[in-house]
Amino acid sequence: MDLAISNKRAIVCASSQGLGLACATALANEGVEVWINGRNAERLAKARASIASDKVHTVVADITTAQGRASLLAACPEPDILINNNAGPPPGALEDWPPEVFQQGLEGNMLAPIEMIRLVVRGMQARHWGRIINITSAMVKSPRPHQALSTAARAGLTAFCKALSLEVAKDGVTINNLLPERIATPRQTALAERQAKLRGISVAEATAEFAQSIAARRMGTPEEFAAACAFLCSVQAAFICGQNLQLDGGAYPGLI
C-alpha cells in the first residue's frame, strides 16, 4: 500500500533508539523527510546511519526544554507530521515520587508533548494537512501501581489531545495515540532488569515472564509498532482521529 506521504516532513522526538527510531525509520522508508532527535550526539549519529535514506536529519536537543523545542522547530519550521515520544518516568511506589520527581514526569510525558503540539498544530491547520501521533503507554488504559506516575502524565496528555482533536479534525489534522505494551526496546530491558533485582531472578526469566503476560505469548517488535505509526500518518488514515490504538499482542482485557 502506498501511504501517499512521500516528501512530507516529520519531526520524530526522542528517536535515537527504541520506538522513536523505529517510527523514524518507517517514515523514511515511505519517502518522508525526517528530523530525528536525541540528547546524545553519538547515539543520534548512529541512529542516522542506521536509516537507509538521505532525507534524514539530526537535531541534538532536549525536548523537555524550551531551547530544545526551539532547536527542533528551527530545523523543521513547518512539519506535516509530529511524533511525540520521550523516555518514560521511573517506575516505583508512591514514596519514590516526591514532588520534584512527579514534576519531571509531567514535564517529560505531558507538558513537553503538549508544547510541541502547540508549536506546530496551527501551521498544520493553515496548510489543511497534519498528523500528530503521541507514543504513550498501555498503562493509560490499564494502570498499574508501579507505573502510576507514567499513567498520570500520559493520561493527562491523552485527555488534552482528545479535546484538541475535536477542534482540528475539520482542517485535515488528526491526533492519535499509540499505546505500546511489551515491545522489545531498551525500556523493556530496563524494566526486566528491575524485575529481576526485585524478585531475585535472572533478566532472561523476567523477560520470559513479560512475554507470557501477553496473549500472543511473545514480545512485540519495534518494526510492528512503527508500521502502525506509519499507517496513522497516511492519507488513508484521514478519518481516524482522537483514538488510542493498543499495540499489545492482545493483552488488554477490556472491550473499549
C-alpha atoms as a PDB file:
ATOM      1  CA  MET A   1       0.000   0.000   0.000  1.00  0.00           C
ATOM      2  CA  ASP A   2       1.307   3.431  -0.950  1.00  0.00           C
ATOM      3  CA  LEU A   3       0.711   5.628   2.109  1.00  0.00           C
ATOM      4  CA  ALA A   4       0.968   8.737  -0.103  1.00  0.00           C
ATOM      5  CA  ILE A   5       3.184  10.654   2.322  1.00  0.00           C
ATOM      6  CA  SER A   6       6.364  10.773   0.244  1.00  0.00           C
ATOM      7  CA  ASN A   7       8.042  14.189   0.581  1.00  0.00           C
ATOM      8  CA  LYS A   8       6.073  15.098   3.704  1.00  0.00           C
ATOM      9  CA  ARG A   9       8.167  16.473   6.584  1.00  0.00           C
ATOM     10  CA  ALA A  10       8.250  14.800  10.007  1.00  0.00           C
ATOM     11  CA  ILE A  11       9.706  15.564  13.411  1.00  0.00           C
ATOM     12  CA  VAL A  12      10.188  12.420  15.489  1.00  0.00           C
ATOM     13  CA  CYS A  13      11.025  13.240  19.088  1.00  0.00           C
ATOM     14  CA  ALA A  14      13.360  11.077  21.187  1.00  0.00           C
ATOM     15  CA  SER A  15      14.280   8.955  18.185  1.00  0.00           C
ATOM     16  CA  SER A  16      17.884   7.889  18.724  1.00  0.00           C
ATOM     17  CA  GLN A  17      16.745   4.404  19.770  1.00  0.00           C
ATOM     18  CA  GLY A  18      13.727   2.230  20.541  1.00  0.00           C
ATOM     19  CA  LEU A  19      10.243   3.094  19.349  1.00  0.00           C
ATOM     20  CA  GLY A  20      11.171   6.589  18.198  1.00  0.00           C
ATOM     21  CA  LEU A  21      13.938   5.297  15.940  1.00  0.00           C
ATOM     22  CA  ALA A  22      11.666   2.564  14.576  1.00  0.00           C
ATOM     23  CA  CYS A  23       8.985   5.129  13.700  1.00  0.00           C
ATOM     24  CA  ALA A  24      11.519   7.450  12.083  1.00  0.00           C
ATOM     25  CA  THR A  25      12.816   4.540  10.008  1.00  0.00           C
ATOM     26  CA  ALA A  26       9.330   3.520   8.884  1.00  0.00           C
ATOM     27  CA  LEU A  27       8.521   7.069   7.804  1.00  0.00           C
ATOM     28  CA  ALA A  28      11.837   7.452   5.981  1.00  0.00           C
ATOM     29  CA  ASN A  29      11.109   4.210   4.142  1.00  0.00           C
ATOM     30  CA  GLU A  30       7.906   5.859   2.873  1.00  0.00           C
ATOM     31  CA  GLY A  31       9.879   8.767   1.434  1.00  0.00           C
ATOM     32  CA  VAL A  32       9.219  11.185   4.277  1.00  0.00           C
ATOM     33  CA  GLU A  33      11.893  13.756   5.115  1.00  0.00           C
ATOM     34  CA  VAL A  34      12.597  13.105   8.775  1.00  0.00           C
ATOM     35  CA  TRP A  35      14.228  15.063  11.579  1.00  0.00           C
ATOM     36  CA  ILE A  36      15.339  12.735  14.374  1.00  0.00           C
ATOM     37  CA  ASN A  37      16.134  13.932  17.860  1.00  0.00           C
ATOM     38  CA  GLY A  38      18.057  12.940  20.948  1.00  0.00           C
ATOM     39  CA  ARG A  39      20.274  14.346  23.692  1.00  0.00           C
ATOM     40  CA  ASN A  40      23.310  12.171  22.928  1.00  0.00           C
ATOM     41  CA  ALA A  41      25.076  13.261  19.729  1.00  0.00           C
ATOM     42  CA  GLU A  42      26.980   9.998  19.256  1.00  0.00           C
ATOM     43  CA  ARG A  43      23.913   7.812  19.674  1.00  0.00           C
ATOM     44  CA  LEU A  44      21.936  10.099  17.378  1.00  0.00           C
ATOM     45  CA  ALA A  45      24.600   9.850  14.682  1.00  0.00           C
ATOM     46  CA  LYS A  46      24.481   6.049  14.887  1.00  0.00           C
ATOM     47  CA  ALA A  47      20.704   6.174  14.577  1.00  0.00           C
ATOM     48  CA  ARG A  48      21.007   8.378  11.487  1.00  0.00           C
ATOM     49  CA  ALA A  49      23.467   5.941   9.935  1.00  0.00           C
ATOM     50  CA  SER A  50      21.086   3.027  10.529  1.00  0.00           C
ATOM     51  CA  ILE A  51      18.366   4.556   8.347  1.00  0.00           C
ATOM     52  CA  ALA A  52      18.786   3.903   4.634  1.00  0.00           C
ATOM     53  CA  SER A  53      17.707   7.344   3.450  1.00  0.00           C
ATOM     54  CA  ASP A  54      19.455  10.575   2.542  1.00  0.00           C
ATOM     55  CA  LYS A  55      16.431  12.548   3.777  1.00  0.00           C
ATOM     56  CA  VAL A  56      17.117  12.117   7.493  1.00  0.00           C
ATOM     57  CA  HIS A  57      18.466  14.977   9.605  1.00  0.00           C
ATOM     58  CA  THR A  58      19.622  15.073  13.213  1.00  0.00           C
ATOM     59  CA  VAL A  59      18.872  17.612  15.936  1.00  0.00           C
ATOM     60  CA  VAL A  60      20.656  17.223  19.258  1.00  0.00           C
ATOM     61  CA  ALA A  61      18.177  18.658  21.740  1.00  0.00           C
ATOM     62  CA  ASP A  62      16.308  18.013  24.973  1.00  0.00           C
ATOM     63  CA  ILE A  63      12.611  18.360  24.170  1.00  0.00           C
ATOM     64  CA  THR A  64      11.748  18.943  27.821  1.00  0.00           C
ATOM     65  CA  THR A  65      13.349  22.397  27.491  1.00  0.00           C
ATOM     66  CA  ALA A  66      12.138  25.430  25.583  1.00  0.00           C
ATOM     67  CA  GLN A  67      15.557  25.724  23.946  1.00  0.00           C
ATOM     68  CA  GLY A  68      15.426  22.111  22.781  1.00  0.00           C
ATOM     69  CA  ARG A  69      11.983  22.528  21.275  1.00  0.00           C
ATOM     70  CA  ALA A  70      13.082  25.736  19.576  1.00  0.00           C
ATOM     71  CA  SER A  71      16.038  23.889  18.026  1.00  0.00           C
ATOM     72  CA  LEU A  72      13.728  21.278  16.536  1.00  0.00           C
ATOM     73  CA  LEU A  73      11.395  23.872  15.068  1.00  0.00           C
ATOM     74  CA  ALA A  74      14.303  25.910  13.729  1.00  0.00           C
ATOM     75  CA  ALA A  75      15.475  22.813  11.838  1.00  0.00           C
ATOM     76  CA  CYS A  76      11.977  21.936  10.592  1.00  0.00           C
ATOM     77  CA  PRO A  77       9.719  25.001  10.851  1.00  0.00           C
ATOM     78  CA  GLU A  78       6.676  23.511   9.104  1.00  0.00           C
ATOM     79  CA  PRO A  79       6.368  19.799   9.859  1.00  0.00           C
ATOM     80  CA  ASP A  80       3.491  17.858   8.352  1.00  0.00           C
ATOM     81  CA  ILE A  81       3.944  15.070  10.897  1.00  0.00           C
ATOM     82  CA  LEU A  82       4.831  15.226  14.589  1.00  0.00           C
ATOM     83  CA  ILE A  83       5.637  12.057  16.517  1.00  0.00           C
ATOM     84  CA  ASN A  84       5.742  12.853  20.232  1.00  0.00           C
ATOM     85  CA  ASN A  85       7.880  10.484  22.255  1.00  0.00           C
ATOM     86  CA  ASN A  86      10.072  10.628  25.335  1.00  0.00           C
ATOM     87  CA  ALA A  87      11.629   8.340  27.911  1.00  0.00           C
ATOM     88  CA  GLY A  88       9.090   7.148  30.456  1.00  0.00           C
ATOM     89  CA  PRO A  89       9.282   8.257  34.088  1.00  0.00           C
ATOM     90  CA  PRO A  90      10.753   5.863  36.637  1.00  0.00           C
ATOM     91  CA  PRO A  91       8.594   3.019  37.918  1.00  0.00           C
ATOM     92  CA  GLY A  92       8.234   2.671  41.654  1.00  0.00           C
ATOM     93  CA  ALA A  93       5.864   3.373  44.527  1.00  0.00           C
ATOM     94  CA  LEU A  94       4.279   6.487  45.957  1.00  0.00           C
ATOM     95  CA  GLU A  95       7.245   7.001  48.265  1.00  0.00           C
ATOM     96  CA  ASP A  96       9.593   7.067  45.257  1.00  0.00           C
ATOM     97  CA  TRP A  97       7.891  10.069  43.661  1.00  0.00           C
ATOM     98  CA  PRO A  98       8.396  13.229  45.707  1.00  0.00           C
ATOM     99  CA  PRO A  99       7.037  16.427  44.130  1.00  0.00           C
ATOM    100  CA  GLU A 100      10.198  17.149  42.134  1.00  0.00           C
ATOM    101  CA  VAL A 101      10.217  13.666  40.562  1.00  0.00           C
ATOM    102  CA  PHE A 102       6.494  13.897  39.833  1.00  0.00           C
ATOM    103  CA  GLN A 103       7.035  17.276  38.182  1.00  0.00           C
ATOM    104  CA  GLN A 104       9.788  15.818  35.994  1.00  0.00           C
ATOM    105  CA  GLY A 105       7.421  13.059  34.897  1.00  0.00           C
ATOM    106  CA  LEU A 106       4.736  15.578  33.994  1.00  0.00           C
ATOM    107  CA  GLU A 107       7.241  17.773  32.152  1.00  0.00           C
ATOM    108  CA  GLY A 108       8.621  14.920  30.082  1.00  0.00           C
ATOM    109  CA  ASN A 109       5.463  12.980  29.279  1.00  0.00           C
ATOM    110  CA  MET A 110       2.657  15.529  29.293  1.00  0.00           C
ATOM    111  CA  LEU A 111       3.779  19.161  29.183  1.00  0.00           C
ATOM    112  CA  ALA A 112       6.621  18.838  26.648  1.00  0.00           C
ATOM    113  CA  PRO A 113       4.459  16.934  24.118  1.00  0.00           C
ATOM    114  CA  ILE A 114       1.638  19.442  24.579  1.00  0.00           C
ATOM    115  CA  GLU A 115       4.066  22.300  23.958  1.00  0.00           C
ATOM    116  CA  MET A 116       5.356  20.614  20.784  1.00  0.00           C
ATOM    117  CA  ILE A 117       1.768  20.294  19.598  1.00  0.00           C
ATOM    118  CA  ARG A 118       1.084  23.942  20.389  1.00  0.00           C
ATOM    119  CA  LEU A 119       4.083  24.977  18.304  1.00  0.00           C
ATOM    120  CA  VAL A 120       3.056  23.070  15.165  1.00  0.00           C
ATOM    121  CA  VAL A 121      -0.696  22.499  15.096  1.00  0.00           C
ATOM    122  CA  ARG A 122      -1.852  25.926  13.893  1.00  0.00           C
ATOM    123  CA  GLY A 123       0.501  25.696  10.930  1.00  0.00           C
ATOM    124  CA  MET A 124      -0.895  22.268  10.097  1.00  0.00           C
ATOM    125  CA  GLN A 125      -4.405  23.680  10.222  1.00  0.00           C
ATOM    126  CA  ALA A 126      -3.444  26.550   7.937  1.00  0.00           C
ATOM    127  CA  ARG A 127      -1.998  24.062   5.420  1.00  0.00           C
ATOM    128  CA  HIS A 128      -5.054  21.779   5.803  1.00  0.00           C
ATOM    129  CA  TRP A 129      -2.992  18.653   6.476  1.00  0.00           C
ATOM    130  CA  GLY A 130      -1.266  17.253   9.523  1.00  0.00           C
ATOM    131  CA  ARG A 131      -0.650  14.117  11.544  1.00  0.00           C
ATOM    132  CA  ILE A 132       0.179  14.132  15.256  1.00  0.00           C
ATOM    133  CA  ILE A 133       0.970  10.813  16.932  1.00  0.00           C
ATOM    134  CA  ASN A 134       1.729  10.504  20.631  1.00  0.00           C
ATOM    135  CA  ILE A 135       3.576   7.418  21.816  1.00  0.00           C
ATOM    136  CA  THR A 136       2.057   6.907  25.252  1.00  0.00           C
ATOM    137  CA  SER A 137       1.619   3.598  27.105  1.00  0.00           C
ATOM    138  CA  ALA A 138      -0.770   0.729  27.684  1.00  0.00           C
ATOM    139  CA  MET A 139      -0.822   1.978  31.277  1.00  0.00           C
ATOM    140  CA  VAL A 140      -3.152   4.774  30.154  1.00  0.00           C
ATOM    141  CA  LYS A 141      -5.955   2.191  29.914  1.00  0.00           C
ATOM    142  CA  SER A 142      -4.560  -0.458  32.278  1.00  0.00           C
ATOM    143  CA  PRO A 143      -2.996   1.360  35.247  1.00  0.00           C
ATOM    144  CA  ARG A 144      -0.557  -0.493  37.490  1.00  0.00           C
ATOM    145  CA  PRO A 145       0.681   0.750  40.887  1.00  0.00           C
ATOM    146  CA  HIS A 146       4.362   0.759  39.901  1.00  0.00           C
ATOM    147  CA  GLN A 147       3.575   2.835  36.775  1.00  0.00           C
ATOM    148  CA  ALA A 148       1.223   5.337  38.400  1.00  0.00           C
ATOM    149  CA  LEU A 149       3.431   8.312  37.539  1.00  0.00           C
ATOM    150  CA  SER A 150       3.585   7.267  33.885  1.00  0.00           C
ATOM    151  CA  THR A 151      -0.174   6.737  33.855  1.00  0.00           C
ATOM    152  CA  ALA A 152      -0.885  10.134  35.369  1.00  0.00           C
ATOM    153  CA  ALA A 153       1.284  12.058  32.917  1.00  0.00           C
ATOM    154  CA  ARG A 154       0.215  10.188  29.809  1.00  0.00           C
ATOM    155  CA  ALA A 155      -3.474  10.115  30.694  1.00  0.00           C
ATOM    156  CA  GLY A 156      -3.293  13.906  31.008  1.00  0.00           C
ATOM    157  CA  LEU A 157      -1.760  14.134  27.533  1.00  0.00           C
ATOM    158  CA  THR A 158      -4.433  11.777  26.196  1.00  0.00           C
ATOM    159  CA  ALA A 159      -7.254  13.904  27.608  1.00  0.00           C
ATOM    160  CA  PHE A 160      -5.779  17.109  26.238  1.00  0.00           C
ATOM    161  CA  CYS A 161      -5.312  15.635  22.776  1.00  0.00           C
ATOM    162  CA  LYS A 162      -8.801  14.170  22.651  1.00  0.00           C
ATOM    163  CA  ALA A 163     -10.225  17.615  23.298  1.00  0.00           C
ATOM    164  CA  LEU A 164      -7.956  19.282  20.736  1.00  0.00           C
ATOM    165  CA  SER A 165      -8.679  16.622  18.112  1.00  0.00           C
ATOM    166  CA  LEU A 166     -12.315  17.743  18.051  1.00  0.00           C
ATOM    167  CA  GLU A 167     -11.194  21.217  17.024  1.00  0.00           C
ATOM    168  CA  VAL A 168      -8.626  20.399  14.357  1.00  0.00           C
ATOM    169  CA  ALA A 169     -10.144  17.427  12.521  1.00  0.00           C
ATOM    170  CA  LYS A 170     -12.131  19.709  10.218  1.00  0.00           C
ATOM    171  CA  ASP A 171      -8.855  21.157   8.958  1.00  0.00           C
ATOM    172  CA  GLY A 172      -7.411  17.810   7.901  1.00  0.00           C
ATOM    173  CA  VAL A 173      -5.317  17.379  11.043  1.00  0.00           C
ATOM    174  CA  THR A 174      -5.545  14.150  13.008  1.00  0.00           C
ATOM    175  CA  ILE A 175      -4.269  13.446  16.523  1.00  0.00           C
ATOM    176  CA  ASN A 176      -3.958   9.860  17.705  1.00  0.00           C
ATOM    177  CA  ASN A 177      -2.127   7.902  20.366  1.00  0.00           C
ATOM    178  CA  LEU A 178      -0.192   4.637  20.181  1.00  0.00           C
ATOM    179  CA  LEU A 179      -0.217   2.568  23.389  1.00  0.00           C
ATOM    180  CA  PRO A 180       2.640   0.057  23.480  1.00  0.00           C
ATOM    181  CA  GLU A 181       2.983  -2.837  25.882  1.00  0.00           C
ATOM    182  CA  ARG A 182       5.910  -5.243  25.997  1.00  0.00           C
ATOM    183  CA  ILE A 183       7.626  -4.108  22.820  1.00  0.00           C
ATOM    184  CA  ALA A 184      11.247  -5.281  22.718  1.00  0.00           C
ATOM    185  CA  THR A 185      13.067  -1.996  23.378  1.00  0.00           C
ATOM    186  CA  PRO A 186      15.745  -0.736  25.784  1.00  0.00           C
ATOM    187  CA  ARG A 187      12.910   0.433  28.063  1.00  0.00           C
ATOM    188  CA  GLN A 188      11.655  -3.142  28.396  1.00  0.00           C
ATOM    189  CA  THR A 189      15.176  -4.350  29.097  1.00  0.00           C
ATOM    190  CA  ALA A 190      15.446  -1.845  31.929  1.00  0.00           C
ATOM    191  CA  LEU A 191      12.088  -2.965  33.343  1.00  0.00           C
ATOM    192  CA  ALA A 192      13.175  -6.605  33.141  1.00  0.00           C
ATOM    193  CA  GLU A 193      16.383  -5.753  34.993  1.00  0.00           C
ATOM    194  CA  ARG A 194      14.345  -4.022  37.693  1.00  0.00           C
ATOM    195  CA  GLN A 195      12.001  -7.007  37.999  1.00  0.00           C
ATOM    196  CA  ALA A 196      14.923  -9.426  38.172  1.00  0.00           C
ATOM    197  CA  LYS A 197      16.515  -7.454  41.000  1.00  0.00           C
ATOM    198  CA  LEU A 198      13.264  -7.183  42.963  1.00  0.00           C
ATOM    199  CA  ARG A 199      12.475 -10.885  42.703  1.00  0.00           C
ATOM    200  CA  GLY A 200      15.917 -12.449  42.665  1.00  0.00           C
ATOM    201  CA  ILE A 201      15.550 -13.989  39.221  1.00  0.00           C
ATOM    202  CA  SER A 202      17.555 -13.632  36.016  1.00  0.00           C
ATOM    203  CA  VAL A 203      16.840 -10.943  33.435  1.00  0.00           C
ATOM    204  CA  ALA A 204      16.071 -13.720  30.930  1.00  0.00           C
ATOM    205  CA  GLU A 205      13.483 -15.173  33.321  1.00  0.00           C
ATOM    206  CA  ALA A 206      11.919 -11.763  33.886  1.00  0.00           C
ATOM    207  CA  THR A 207      11.747 -11.160  30.137  1.00  0.00           C
ATOM    208  CA  ALA A 208      10.139 -14.567  29.594  1.00  0.00           C
ATOM    209  CA  GLU A 209       7.507 -13.742  32.230  1.00  0.00           C
ATOM    210  CA  PHE A 210       6.797 -10.456  30.461  1.00  0.00           C
ATOM    211  CA  ALA A 211       6.224 -12.366  27.214  1.00  0.00           C
ATOM    212  CA  GLN A 212       3.916 -14.853  28.921  1.00  0.00           C
ATOM    213  CA  SER A 213       1.749 -11.985  30.206  1.00  0.00           C
ATOM    214  CA  ILE A 214       0.888 -11.139  26.587  1.00  0.00           C
ATOM    215  CA  ALA A 215      -1.887 -13.047  24.824  1.00  0.00           C
ATOM    216  CA  ALA A 216       0.412 -13.547  21.817  1.00  0.00           C
ATOM    217  CA  ARG A 217       2.995 -15.090  24.183  1.00  0.00           C
ATOM    218  CA  ARG A 218       5.825 -13.011  22.786  1.00  0.00           C
ATOM    219  CA  MET A 219       7.227  -9.527  22.859  1.00  0.00           C
ATOM    220  CA  GLY A 220       6.270  -7.185  20.075  1.00  0.00           C
ATOM    221  CA  THR A 221       8.862  -5.791  17.700  1.00  0.00           C
ATOM    222  CA  PRO A 222       9.637  -2.103  17.161  1.00  0.00           C
ATOM    223  CA  GLU A 223       9.011  -2.658  13.448  1.00  0.00           C
ATOM    224  CA  GLU A 224       5.452  -3.854  14.108  1.00  0.00           C
ATOM    225  CA  PHE A 225       4.832  -0.796  16.235  1.00  0.00           C
ATOM    226  CA  ALA A 226       6.334   1.534  13.647  1.00  0.00           C
ATOM    227  CA  ALA A 227       4.184   0.101  10.853  1.00  0.00           C
ATOM    228  CA  ALA A 228       1.079   1.135  12.792  1.00  0.00           C
ATOM    229  CA  CYS A 229       2.551   4.584  13.326  1.00  0.00           C
ATOM    230  CA  ALA A 230       3.281   4.997   9.614  1.00  0.00           C
ATOM    231  CA  PHE A 231      -0.270   3.985   8.710  1.00  0.00           C
ATOM    232  CA  LEU A 232      -1.780   6.540  11.102  1.00  0.00           C
ATOM    233  CA  CYS A 233       0.338   9.149   9.299  1.00  0.00           C
ATOM    234  CA  SER A 234      -1.002   8.083   5.908  1.00  0.00           C
ATOM    235  CA  VAL A 235      -3.540   9.666   3.614  1.00  0.00           C
ATOM    236  CA  GLN A 236      -5.683   6.545   4.100  1.00  0.00           C
ATOM    237  CA  ALA A 237      -5.933   7.242   7.855  1.00  0.00           C
ATOM    238  CA  ALA A 238      -7.514  10.673   7.394  1.00  0.00           C
ATOM    239  CA  PHE A 239     -10.779   9.597   9.085  1.00  0.00           C
ATOM    240  CA  ILE A 240      -9.058   8.199  12.204  1.00  0.00           C
ATOM    241  CA  CYS A 241      -8.814  10.927  14.820  1.00  0.00           C
ATOM    242  CA  GLY A 242      -8.768  11.126  18.607  1.00  0.00           C
ATOM    243  CA  GLN A 243      -8.140   7.406  19.017  1.00  0.00           C
ATOM    244  CA  ASN A 244      -5.964   5.208  21.232  1.00  0.00           C
ATOM    245  CA  LEU A 245      -4.523   2.233  19.367  1.00  0.00           C
ATOM    246  CA  GLN A 246      -3.091  -0.502  21.575  1.00  0.00           C
ATOM    247  CA  LEU A 247      -0.033  -2.370  20.328  1.00  0.00           C
ATOM    248  CA  ASP A 248      -0.043  -5.120  22.932  1.00  0.00           C
ATOM    249  CA  GLY A 249      -0.392  -8.557  21.360  1.00  0.00           C
ATOM    250  CA  GLY A 250      -3.978  -8.803  22.602  1.00  0.00           C
ATOM    251  CA  ALA A 251      -3.072  -8.230  26.275  1.00  0.00           C
ATOM    252  CA  TYR A 252      -5.700  -5.591  27.048  1.00  0.00           C
ATOM    253  CA  PRO A 253      -8.679  -7.398  28.650  1.00  0.00           C
ATOM    254  CA  GLY A 254     -11.361  -4.751  28.109  1.00  0.00           C
ATOM    255  CA  LEU A 255     -13.820  -4.055  25.323  1.00  0.00           C
ATOM    256  CA  ILE A 256     -13.144  -0.333  24.799  1.00  0.00           C
END
